[in-house]
Amino acid sequence: MSNFIIKTIMRDQRLQILGDNIRAERMRKRLSQEKLAELINVNKDSIRNIENCRQTPSAFIVFDIANSLEIPIEDLFKNIPNTKD
């Protein structure tokens, strides 16, 4: 398997974990996708796409999500594998 394919798979895996972490924290706070989107001033489709690994959020969006959920930003990155390549 080429290095490019491996990096692409890892990226997709990291995005999926990030999306899963966002969804889990959002649900733990009992917020709908629509409410979270409203809190950070984005379209609710953006939240759905981020949670479903169809959109890569900017650092600012991740920061806003963490702040809106009242959690440390690090919590959204838990269990994401570290790559050195």
N, C-alpha and C. Protein backbone atom coordinates (compact mmCIF):
# COMPACT_ATOMS: atom_id res chain seq x y z
N MET A 1 0.86 -1.17 0.00
CA MET A 1 0.00 0.00 0.00
C MET A 1 0.90 1.24 0.00
N SER A 2 0.57 2.20 -0.83
CA SER A 2 1.41 3.39 -0.93
C SER A 2 1.28 4.27 0.31
N ASN A 3 2.29 5.08 0.51
CA ASN A 3 2.31 6.00 1.64
C ASN A 3 1.15 6.99 1.56
N PHE A 4 0.81 7.43 0.35
CA PHE A 4 -0.30 8.36 0.15
C PHE A 4 -1.62 7.74 0.61
N ILE A 5 -1.86 6.50 0.25
CA ILE A 5 -3.10 5.81 0.63
C ILE A 5 -3.16 5.65 2.15
N ILE A 6 -2.04 5.28 2.75
CA ILE A 6 -2.01 5.11 4.20
C ILE A 6 -2.32 6.43 4.89
N LYS A 7 -1.72 7.53 4.42
CA LYS A 7 -2.00 8.84 5.01
C LYS A 7 -3.45 9.24 4.84
N THR A 8 -4.03 8.92 3.68
CA THR A 8 -5.44 9.24 3.42
C THR A 8 -6.34 8.45 4.36
N ILE A 9 -6.05 7.19 4.56
CA ILE A 9 -6.84 6.36 5.48
C ILE A 9 -6.73 6.89 6.90
N MET A 10 -5.52 7.25 7.31
CA MET A 10 -5.32 7.79 8.66
C MET A 10 -6.09 9.10 8.83
N ARG A 11 -6.07 9.96 7.80
CA ARG A 11 -6.78 11.23 7.88
C ARG A 11 -8.27 10.98 8.03
N ASP A 12 -8.80 10.07 7.22
CA ASP A 12 -10.22 9.74 7.32
C ASP A 12 -10.56 9.17 8.70
N GLN A 13 -9.68 8.35 9.23
CA GLN A 13 -9.90 7.77 10.55
C GLN A 13 -9.91 8.87 11.61
N ARG A 14 -8.98 9.80 11.51
CA ARG A 14 -8.91 10.90 12.48
C ARG A 14 -10.15 11.78 12.40
N LEU A 15 -10.61 12.06 11.18
CA LEU A 15 -11.83 12.86 11.02
C LEU A 15 -13.04 12.15 11.60
N GLN A 16 -13.09 10.83 11.42
CA GLN A 16 -14.21 10.06 11.96
C GLN A 16 -14.21 10.10 13.48
N ILE A 17 -13.04 9.95 14.09
CA ILE A 17 -12.95 9.99 15.55
C ILE A 17 -13.33 11.37 16.06
N LEU A 18 -12.83 12.43 15.40
CA LEU A 18 -13.20 13.79 15.78
C LEU A 18 -14.71 13.98 15.70
N GLY A 19 -15.30 13.55 14.60
CA GLY A 19 -16.75 13.66 14.44
C GLY A 19 -17.50 12.89 15.51
N ASP A 20 -17.03 11.69 15.82
CA ASP A 20 -17.66 10.88 16.86
C ASP A 20 -17.55 11.56 18.22
N ASN A 21 -16.39 12.15 18.50
CA ASN A 21 -16.20 12.84 19.78
C ASN A 21 -17.11 14.06 19.89
N ILE A 22 -17.23 14.80 18.80
CA ILE A 22 -18.13 15.96 18.80
C ILE A 22 -19.56 15.51 19.05
N ARG A 23 -19.99 14.47 18.32
CA ARG A 23 -21.35 13.96 18.48
C ARG A 23 -21.60 13.50 19.92
N ALA A 24 -20.65 12.75 20.47
CA ALA A 24 -20.81 12.22 21.84
C ALA A 24 -20.94 13.35 22.85
N GLU A 25 -20.08 14.35 22.73
CA GLU A 25 -20.14 15.48 23.67
C GLU A 25 -21.41 16.29 23.48
N ARG A 26 -21.82 16.48 22.23
CA ARG A 26 -23.05 17.22 21.95
C ARG A 26 -24.25 16.50 22.56
N MET A 27 -24.29 15.20 22.39
CA MET A 27 -25.41 14.42 22.92
C MET A 27 -25.36 14.38 24.45
N ARG A 28 -24.15 14.32 25.01
CA ARG A 28 -24.01 14.33 26.46
C ARG A 28 -24.56 15.63 27.04
N LYS A 29 -24.40 16.71 26.29
CA LYS A 29 -24.93 18.02 26.72
C LYS A 29 -26.40 18.20 26.30
N ARG A 30 -26.94 17.19 25.63
CA ARG A 30 -28.34 17.20 25.18
C ARG A 30 -28.64 18.37 24.25
N LEU A 31 -27.71 18.60 23.32
CA LEU A 31 -27.91 19.64 22.31
C LEU A 31 -28.19 18.99 20.96
N SER A 32 -29.10 19.56 20.23
CA SER A 32 -29.33 19.10 18.86
C SER A 32 -28.23 19.65 17.97
N GLN A 33 -28.10 19.08 16.79
CA GLN A 33 -27.16 19.62 15.81
C GLN A 33 -27.53 21.06 15.48
N GLU A 34 -28.82 21.31 15.38
CA GLU A 34 -29.30 22.65 15.06
C GLU A 34 -28.91 23.65 16.15
N LYS A 35 -29.05 23.27 17.41
CA LYS A 35 -28.71 24.18 18.51
C LYS A 35 -27.21 24.45 18.56
N LEU A 36 -26.40 23.40 18.39
CA LEU A 36 -24.95 23.60 18.37
C LEU A 36 -24.56 24.52 17.22
N ALA A 37 -25.15 24.30 16.06
CA ALA A 37 -24.86 25.15 14.91
C ALA A 37 -25.21 26.60 15.21
N GLU A 38 -26.34 26.80 15.86
CA GLU A 38 -26.77 28.15 16.23
C GLU A 38 -25.77 28.80 17.19
N LEU A 39 -25.27 28.02 18.16
CA LEU A 39 -24.34 28.54 19.15
C LEU A 39 -23.02 29.00 18.52
N ILE A 40 -22.59 28.32 17.45
CA ILE A 40 -21.31 28.69 16.84
C ILE A 40 -21.49 29.42 15.51
N ASN A 41 -22.75 29.72 15.20
CA ASN A 41 -23.06 30.53 14.01
C ASN A 41 -22.63 29.88 12.70
N VAL A 42 -23.01 28.59 12.55
CA VAL A 42 -22.83 27.89 11.28
C VAL A 42 -24.14 27.22 10.91
N ASN A 43 -24.22 26.73 9.70
CA ASN A 43 -25.38 26.01 9.22
C ASN A 43 -25.44 24.64 9.88
N LYS A 44 -26.64 24.16 10.20
CA LYS A 44 -26.73 22.84 10.87
C LYS A 44 -26.20 21.73 9.99
N ASP A 45 -26.22 21.92 8.66
CA ASP A 45 -25.63 20.92 7.77
C ASP A 45 -24.13 20.78 8.01
N SER A 46 -23.49 21.87 8.40
CA SER A 46 -22.06 21.81 8.70
C SER A 46 -21.79 20.88 9.88
N ILE A 47 -22.59 20.99 10.92
CA ILE A 47 -22.42 20.11 12.08
C ILE A 47 -22.66 18.66 11.67
N ARG A 48 -23.71 18.42 10.93
CA ARG A 48 -24.01 17.05 10.47
C ARG A 48 -22.85 16.52 9.63
N ASN A 49 -22.33 17.33 8.73
CA ASN A 49 -21.23 16.89 7.85
C ASN A 49 -19.94 16.65 8.63
N ILE A 50 -19.67 17.47 9.62
CA ILE A 50 -18.48 17.26 10.46
C ILE A 50 -18.62 15.96 11.24
N GLU A 51 -19.77 15.75 11.84
CA GLU A 51 -19.99 14.53 12.63
C GLU A 51 -19.96 13.28 11.76
N ASN A 52 -20.31 13.41 10.50
CA ASN A 52 -20.35 12.25 9.60
C ASN A 52 -19.13 12.15 8.70
N CYS A 53 -18.07 12.92 9.04
CA CYS A 53 -16.79 12.82 8.36
C CYS A 53 -16.87 13.24 6.89
N ARG A 54 -17.76 14.13 6.57
CA ARG A 54 -17.88 14.62 5.20
C ARG A 54 -17.35 16.05 5.05
N GLN A 55 -16.95 16.65 6.17
CA GLN A 55 -16.43 18.00 6.14
C GLN A 55 -15.33 18.12 7.19
N THR A 56 -14.21 18.69 6.80
CA THR A 56 -13.12 18.94 7.73
C THR A 56 -13.32 20.31 8.35
N PRO A 57 -13.51 20.36 9.66
CA PRO A 57 -13.73 21.67 10.29
C PRO A 57 -12.43 22.45 10.42
N SER A 58 -12.53 23.76 10.34
CA SER A 58 -11.35 24.59 10.59
C SER A 58 -11.02 24.53 12.08
N ALA A 59 -9.82 24.95 12.40
CA ALA A 59 -9.41 25.00 13.81
C ALA A 59 -10.33 25.92 14.59
N PHE A 60 -10.78 27.00 13.95
CA PHE A 60 -11.66 27.95 14.64
C PHE A 60 -13.02 27.33 14.94
N ILE A 61 -13.52 26.51 14.03
CA ILE A 61 -14.81 25.83 14.27
C ILE A 61 -14.67 24.84 15.42
N VAL A 62 -13.59 24.07 15.44
CA VAL A 62 -13.37 23.12 16.53
C VAL A 62 -13.26 23.87 17.86
N PHE A 63 -12.54 24.98 17.85
CA PHE A 63 -12.42 25.82 19.05
C PHE A 63 -13.79 26.30 19.51
N ASP A 64 -14.60 26.78 18.58
CA ASP A 64 -15.95 27.27 18.92
C ASP A 64 -16.85 26.14 19.44
N ILE A 65 -16.72 24.96 18.84
CA ILE A 65 -17.51 23.81 19.29
C ILE A 65 -17.14 23.48 20.74
N ALA A 66 -15.85 23.38 21.02
CA ALA A 66 -15.40 23.07 22.38
C ALA A 66 -15.91 24.11 23.37
N ASN A 67 -15.79 25.37 23.01
CA ASN A 67 -16.26 26.43 23.91
C ASN A 67 -17.77 26.34 24.13
N SER A 68 -18.52 26.08 23.07
CA SER A 68 -19.97 25.98 23.19
C SER A 68 -20.39 24.78 24.04
N LEU A 69 -19.61 23.71 23.95
CA LEU A 69 -19.90 22.52 24.75
C LEU A 69 -19.31 22.63 26.17
N GLU A 70 -18.56 23.72 26.39
CA GLU A 70 -17.95 23.98 27.69
C GLU A 70 -17.02 22.85 28.13
N ILE A 71 -16.16 22.44 27.18
CA ILE A 71 -15.18 21.38 27.44
C ILE A 71 -13.82 21.85 26.92
N PRO A 72 -12.74 21.27 27.44
CA PRO A 72 -11.42 21.58 26.88
C PRO A 72 -11.35 21.07 25.43
N ILE A 73 -10.72 21.81 24.57
CA ILE A 73 -10.62 21.41 23.17
C ILE A 73 -9.96 20.03 23.03
N GLU A 74 -9.07 19.71 23.95
CA GLU A 74 -8.39 18.41 23.92
C GLU A 74 -9.37 17.24 23.97
N ASP A 75 -10.50 17.44 24.62
CA ASP A 75 -11.49 16.37 24.72
C ASP A 75 -12.02 15.96 23.36
N LEU A 76 -12.04 16.89 22.42
CA LEU A 76 -12.54 16.56 21.08
C LEU A 76 -11.52 15.75 20.27
N PHE A 77 -10.27 15.73 20.73
CA PHE A 77 -9.22 15.02 20.02
C PHE A 77 -8.79 13.73 20.72
N LYS A 78 -9.54 13.33 21.76
CA LYS A 78 -9.15 12.11 22.47
C LYS A 78 -9.30 10.91 21.54
N ASN A 79 -8.39 9.98 21.70
CA ASN A 79 -8.35 8.71 20.93
C ASN A 79 -7.97 8.88 19.48
N ILE A 80 -7.53 10.07 19.07
CA ILE A 80 -7.07 10.24 17.69
C ILE A 80 -5.62 9.84 17.64
N PRO A 81 -5.28 8.90 16.73
CA PRO A 81 -3.90 8.43 16.66
C PRO A 81 -2.93 9.53 16.23
N ASN A 82 -1.76 9.49 16.79
CA ASN A 82 -0.72 10.45 16.46
C ASN A 82 0.12 9.87 15.32
N THR A 83 0.29 10.65 14.26
CA THR A 83 1.14 10.20 13.15
C THR A 83 2.37 11.06 13.09
N LYS A 84 3.47 10.47 12.75
CA LYS A 84 4.76 11.17 12.69
C LYS A 84 5.22 11.37 11.25
N ASP A 85 4.48 10.89 10.26
CA ASP A 85 4.90 11.00 8.86
C ASP A 85 4.61 12.35 8.26
